[in-house]
Amino acid sequence: MSKEDYRDKIEEHRQSFEDEQKDQQNLSRVSRMNKNGSPNKKPKKTKRKMPLMTILFVIFILIPFSILIYFLKFYEPGKSIEEAEKNTSEQVLEIDKSGNKTDATGATGNKKEDDKAKKEAEDQSKKDAEKLAAEQKAAQEAKKAEEARKAEEARKAEEARKAEEAKKAEQAKLAQQQAEAARKAEEAKKAEQARKAEEAKNAAKASTHTVKENENLYRIALNHYGDGSEATLAKIRAANGMSSNTVMVGQVIKLP
């Protein structure tokens, strides 16, 4: 209970005392006599209650005593008054002089409902925050997965491009090697053909011989065959239908 509640209660008690005093002063003499008994009797002198004493009693005794009880029961060091009231509001019941507890019970019930509603709102807010955080996390994970997928696709595309370039380079190298081999084969073929033509030419040249001055059959056999034996001479004579080794200048002799 706060200080303002204590002040309100004290003010209510003071007003009730003042109203009672005013009612007693406004009563007529007859009413006082009827109130005290027989009308023939003189009214007894009653001591008037002094509202000032009551007020002083409340101010100097009741209020300090109430504050002392509050601090002894509910106050905890390190907590504000509002926090202490909040923690103990469900346990404190306000009891007035008439013994009416309806206001305190209603206030406690309203406090419980407010706390329940506040707790529900906090739980809902917490759930909403958790849901939002989960959605944000899912969005971030989806974004990362999409970036990873694009990176993987780019990597595969780069690998495919490099593989295609390597394949083309290999094919170009193979084609170049084949062209080089074909060129070399063609050159070898031409060289072989030229060699055979030269050999054929040489062979054609060597198949006949025109006799020059100071030449005889023996010298011709020695120049063409490197052998001037009788067998070689006999071979030449047989190829030309000669019966002797005698030759004439300008005669064409076949060399087998």
Protein backbone atom coordinates (compact mmCIF):
# COMPACT_ATOMS: atom_id res chain seq x y z
CA MET A 1 0.00 0.00 0.00
CA SER A 2 1.48 3.35 -0.99
CA LYS A 3 1.67 6.54 1.02
CA GLU A 4 -1.10 8.09 -1.07
CA ASP A 5 -3.46 5.26 -0.08
CA TYR A 6 -2.66 5.88 3.59
CA ARG A 7 -3.32 9.58 3.16
CA ASP A 8 -6.67 8.88 1.46
CA LYS A 9 -7.74 6.58 4.29
CA ILE A 10 -6.73 9.10 6.93
CA GLU A 11 -8.63 11.83 5.09
CA GLU A 12 -11.75 9.64 4.95
CA HIS A 13 -11.56 8.94 8.72
CA ARG A 14 -11.05 12.61 9.45
CA GLN A 15 -14.06 13.60 7.36
CA SER A 16 -16.20 10.95 9.06
CA PHE A 17 -15.21 12.30 12.48
CA GLU A 18 -15.98 15.85 11.44
CA ASP A 19 -19.38 14.85 10.04
CA GLU A 20 -20.23 13.07 13.26
CA GLN A 21 -19.30 16.16 15.29
CA LYS A 22 -21.40 18.38 13.07
CA ASP A 23 -24.37 16.04 13.40
CA GLN A 24 -24.08 16.15 17.19
CA GLN A 25 -23.89 19.94 17.22
CA ASN A 26 -26.95 20.27 14.97
CA LEU A 27 -29.11 18.07 17.19
CA SER A 28 -31.64 20.01 19.12
CA ARG A 29 -31.87 19.98 22.86
CA VAL A 30 -35.02 17.88 22.67
CA SER A 31 -33.39 15.43 20.46
CA ARG A 32 -30.48 15.13 22.85
CA MET A 33 -32.89 14.57 25.75
CA ASN A 34 -34.84 11.97 23.84
CA LYS A 35 -31.61 10.36 22.91
CA ASN A 36 -30.39 10.30 26.51
CA GLY A 37 -33.71 9.11 28.12
CA SER A 38 -36.63 10.90 29.84
CA PRO A 39 -37.45 14.42 28.69
CA ASN A 40 -37.75 15.61 32.29
CA LYS A 41 -34.20 14.75 32.97
CA LYS A 42 -31.54 17.15 32.23
CA PRO A 43 -29.22 16.03 29.57
CA LYS A 44 -26.06 14.70 30.79
CA LYS A 45 -23.03 16.59 29.97
CA THR A 46 -21.05 14.64 27.46
CA LYS A 47 -17.54 15.22 26.68
CA ARG A 48 -17.10 16.40 23.19
CA LYS A 49 -14.66 14.45 21.21
CA MET A 50 -11.93 16.55 19.90
CA PRO A 51 -11.27 15.84 16.21
CA LEU A 52 -7.94 17.56 16.63
CA MET A 53 -6.75 14.83 18.97
CA THR A 54 -7.81 12.18 16.51
CA ILE A 55 -6.02 13.91 13.68
CA LEU A 56 -2.88 14.29 15.78
CA PHE A 57 -3.11 10.67 16.80
CA VAL A 58 -3.37 9.58 13.18
CA ILE A 59 -0.56 11.86 12.02
CA PHE A 60 1.97 11.23 14.74
CA ILE A 61 1.21 7.63 15.71
CA LEU A 62 -0.81 5.74 13.12
CA ILE A 63 1.01 6.92 9.99
CA PRO A 64 4.58 6.37 11.31
CA PHE A 65 3.55 3.03 12.75
CA SER A 66 2.02 1.96 9.40
CA ILE A 67 5.13 3.07 7.52
CA LEU A 68 7.30 1.15 9.99
CA ILE A 69 5.22 -2.00 9.51
CA TYR A 70 5.42 -1.58 5.72
CA PHE A 71 9.21 -1.29 5.75
CA LEU A 72 9.59 -4.20 8.16
CA LYS A 73 7.35 -6.58 6.20
CA PHE A 74 7.60 -5.60 2.57
CA TYR A 75 10.66 -3.48 1.95
CA GLU A 76 13.78 -5.21 0.62
CA PRO A 77 17.08 -3.35 0.11
CA GLY A 78 17.91 -2.81 -3.52
CA LYS A 79 14.25 -2.78 -4.61
CA SER A 80 12.12 0.25 -5.29
CA ILE A 81 8.80 0.76 -3.58
CA GLU A 82 6.94 -0.01 -6.80
CA GLU A 83 8.73 -3.36 -7.15
CA ALA A 84 8.02 -4.30 -3.54
CA GLU A 85 4.35 -3.42 -3.99
CA LYS A 86 4.25 -5.43 -7.21
CA ASN A 87 5.79 -8.53 -5.55
CA THR A 88 3.49 -8.40 -2.54
CA SER A 89 0.31 -7.11 -4.13
CA GLU A 90 -1.11 -10.64 -4.38
CA GLN A 91 -0.56 -11.27 -0.65
CA VAL A 92 -1.76 -7.99 0.88
CA LEU A 93 -5.44 -7.40 1.65
CA GLU A 94 -6.69 -4.00 2.66
CA ILE A 95 -9.04 -4.14 5.64
CA ASP A 96 -10.95 -1.04 6.74
CA LYS A 97 -12.74 -0.46 10.08
CA SER A 98 -16.01 -1.94 8.90
CA GLY A 99 -14.25 -5.19 7.93
CA ASN A 100 -15.15 -4.86 4.25
CA LYS A 101 -12.66 -6.84 2.15
CA THR A 102 -14.41 -6.51 -1.20
CA ASP A 103 -12.21 -3.70 -2.53
CA ALA A 104 -8.99 -5.50 -1.65
CA THR A 105 -10.18 -8.78 -3.15
CA GLY A 106 -11.36 -7.03 -6.29
CA ALA A 107 -8.10 -5.14 -6.58
CA THR A 108 -6.15 -8.37 -6.12
CA GLY A 109 -8.30 -10.11 -8.73
CA ASN A 110 -7.83 -7.25 -11.17
CA LYS A 111 -4.10 -7.30 -10.47
CA LYS A 112 -3.97 -11.01 -11.19
CA GLU A 113 -5.91 -10.54 -14.41
CA ASP A 114 -3.59 -7.69 -15.41
CA ASP A 115 -0.54 -9.80 -14.60
CA LYS A 116 -2.00 -12.71 -16.53
CA ALA A 117 -2.78 -10.52 -19.53
CA LYS A 118 0.66 -8.96 -19.31
CA LYS A 119 2.27 -12.39 -19.13
CA GLU A 120 0.22 -13.61 -22.09
CA ALA A 121 1.21 -10.50 -24.05
CA GLU A 122 4.87 -11.08 -23.15
CA ASP A 123 4.60 -14.76 -24.16
CA GLN A 124 2.94 -13.81 -27.43
CA SER A 125 5.58 -11.16 -28.06
CA LYS A 126 8.29 -13.71 -27.30
CA LYS A 127 6.68 -16.23 -29.67
CA ASP A 128 6.40 -13.58 -32.37
CA ALA A 129 10.06 -12.64 -31.89
CA GLU A 130 11.11 -16.31 -32.04
CA LYS A 131 8.99 -16.82 -35.17
CA LEU A 132 10.49 -13.74 -36.80
CA ALA A 133 14.00 -14.88 -35.87
CA ALA A 134 13.28 -18.35 -37.29
CA GLU A 135 11.95 -16.83 -40.52
CA GLN A 136 14.99 -14.58 -40.82
CA LYS A 137 17.30 -17.54 -40.16
CA ALA A 138 15.46 -19.64 -42.77
CA ALA A 139 15.71 -16.78 -45.28
CA GLN A 140 19.44 -16.43 -44.61
CA GLU A 141 19.96 -20.18 -44.99
CA ALA A 142 17.96 -20.19 -48.24
CA LYS A 143 20.03 -17.25 -49.50
CA LYS A 144 23.27 -19.05 -48.60
CA ALA A 145 22.02 -22.25 -50.28
CA GLU A 146 21.12 -20.28 -53.42
CA GLU A 147 24.55 -18.60 -53.45
CA ALA A 148 26.24 -21.99 -52.96
CA ARG A 149 24.16 -23.47 -55.80
CA LYS A 150 25.07 -20.61 -58.14
CA ALA A 151 28.74 -20.91 -57.16
CA GLU A 152 28.62 -24.67 -57.84
CA GLU A 153 26.98 -24.08 -61.22
CA ALA A 154 29.59 -21.44 -62.09
CA ARG A 155 32.38 -23.83 -61.04
CA LYS A 156 30.94 -26.65 -63.16
CA ALA A 157 30.51 -24.30 -66.11
CA GLU A 158 34.13 -23.16 -65.74
CA GLU A 159 35.32 -26.77 -65.55
CA ALA A 160 33.26 -27.67 -68.65
CA ARG A 161 34.72 -24.68 -70.51
CA LYS A 162 38.26 -25.64 -69.56
CA ALA A 163 37.58 -29.27 -70.53
CA GLU A 164 36.19 -28.13 -73.90
CA GLU A 165 39.23 -25.90 -74.47
CA ALA A 166 41.56 -28.76 -73.53
CA LYS A 167 39.69 -31.10 -75.88
CA LYS A 168 39.90 -28.59 -78.72
CA ALA A 169 43.61 -28.04 -78.00
CA GLU A 170 44.17 -31.81 -78.01
CA GLN A 171 42.25 -32.19 -81.25
CA ALA A 172 44.23 -29.32 -82.81
CA LYS A 173 47.48 -30.88 -81.62
CA LEU A 174 46.45 -34.28 -82.97
CA ALA A 175 45.41 -32.72 -86.29
CA GLN A 176 48.74 -30.90 -86.44
CA GLN A 177 50.61 -34.12 -85.70
CA GLN A 178 48.61 -35.94 -88.36
CA ALA A 179 49.27 -33.16 -90.86
CA GLU A 180 52.96 -33.23 -89.98
CA ALA A 181 53.04 -37.01 -90.34
CA ALA A 182 51.19 -36.78 -93.67
CA ARG A 183 53.60 -34.11 -94.85
CA LYS A 184 56.59 -36.17 -93.85
CA ALA A 185 55.07 -39.25 -95.47
CA GLU A 186 54.44 -37.27 -98.63
CA GLU A 187 57.99 -35.95 -98.59
CA ALA A 188 59.33 -39.45 -97.98
CA LYS A 189 57.18 -40.76 -100.81
CA LYS A 190 58.41 -38.04 -103.16
CA ALA A 191 61.99 -38.67 -102.10
CA GLU A 192 61.52 -42.37 -102.69
CA GLN A 193 59.99 -41.71 -106.06
CA ALA A 194 62.82 -39.32 -106.93
CA ARG A 195 65.35 -41.91 -105.79
CA LYS A 196 63.73 -44.60 -107.85
CA ALA A 197 63.56 -42.31 -110.85
CA GLU A 198 67.21 -41.45 -110.39
CA GLU A 199 68.06 -45.13 -110.09
CA ALA A 200 65.98 -45.89 -113.16
CA LYS A 201 67.70 -43.08 -115.00
CA ASN A 202 71.07 -44.31 -113.90
CA ALA A 203 70.05 -47.83 -114.81
CA ALA A 204 68.89 -46.61 -118.21
CA LYS A 205 72.13 -44.81 -118.66
CA ALA A 206 74.09 -47.89 -117.59
CA SER A 207 72.23 -50.28 -119.89
CA THR A 208 74.04 -49.01 -123.04
CA HIS A 209 77.44 -47.58 -123.73
CA THR A 210 78.86 -45.81 -126.78
CA VAL A 211 82.40 -46.85 -127.51
CA LYS A 212 84.86 -43.96 -127.44
CA GLU A 213 88.44 -43.72 -128.68
CA ASN A 214 91.06 -45.81 -126.96
CA GLU A 215 88.36 -48.01 -125.36
CA ASN A 216 88.12 -51.75 -125.60
CA LEU A 217 85.73 -54.30 -124.21
CA TYR A 218 87.89 -55.01 -121.20
CA ARG A 219 88.00 -51.28 -120.16
CA ILE A 220 84.24 -50.93 -120.67
CA ALA A 221 83.55 -53.95 -118.41
CA LEU A 222 85.95 -52.61 -115.83
CA ASN A 223 84.31 -49.13 -115.79
CA HIS A 224 80.71 -50.39 -115.59
CA TYR A 225 81.05 -53.56 -113.56
CA GLY A 226 84.37 -53.07 -111.81
CA ASP A 227 85.34 -56.45 -113.09
CA GLY A 228 87.25 -57.21 -116.29
CA SER A 229 87.21 -60.97 -115.95
CA GLU A 230 86.54 -63.35 -118.82
CA ALA A 231 83.10 -64.13 -117.40
CA THR A 232 82.07 -60.49 -117.49
CA LEU A 233 83.43 -60.14 -121.01
CA ALA A 234 81.58 -63.23 -122.09
CA LYS A 235 78.36 -61.80 -120.68
CA ILE A 236 78.79 -58.57 -122.63
CA ARG A 237 79.64 -60.44 -125.83
CA ALA A 238 76.56 -62.62 -125.45
CA ALA A 239 74.29 -59.56 -124.92
CA ASN A 240 75.63 -57.93 -128.10
CA GLY A 241 76.11 -61.07 -130.26
CA MET A 242 79.83 -60.50 -130.48
CA SER A 243 82.28 -63.28 -131.24
CA SER A 244 85.41 -61.40 -130.13
CA ASN A 245 86.42 -58.60 -127.83
CA THR A 246 87.03 -56.17 -130.70
CA VAL A 247 84.90 -53.00 -130.68
CA MET A 248 84.74 -49.95 -132.93
CA VAL A 249 84.56 -46.21 -132.03
CA GLY A 250 80.93 -45.07 -131.95
CA GLN A 251 79.55 -48.59 -131.50
CA VAL A 252 76.69 -48.86 -128.96
CA ILE A 253 77.13 -51.82 -126.68
CA LYS A 254 74.42 -53.21 -124.45
CA LEU A 255 75.47 -53.77 -120.85
CA PRO A 256 73.39 -56.49 -119.26
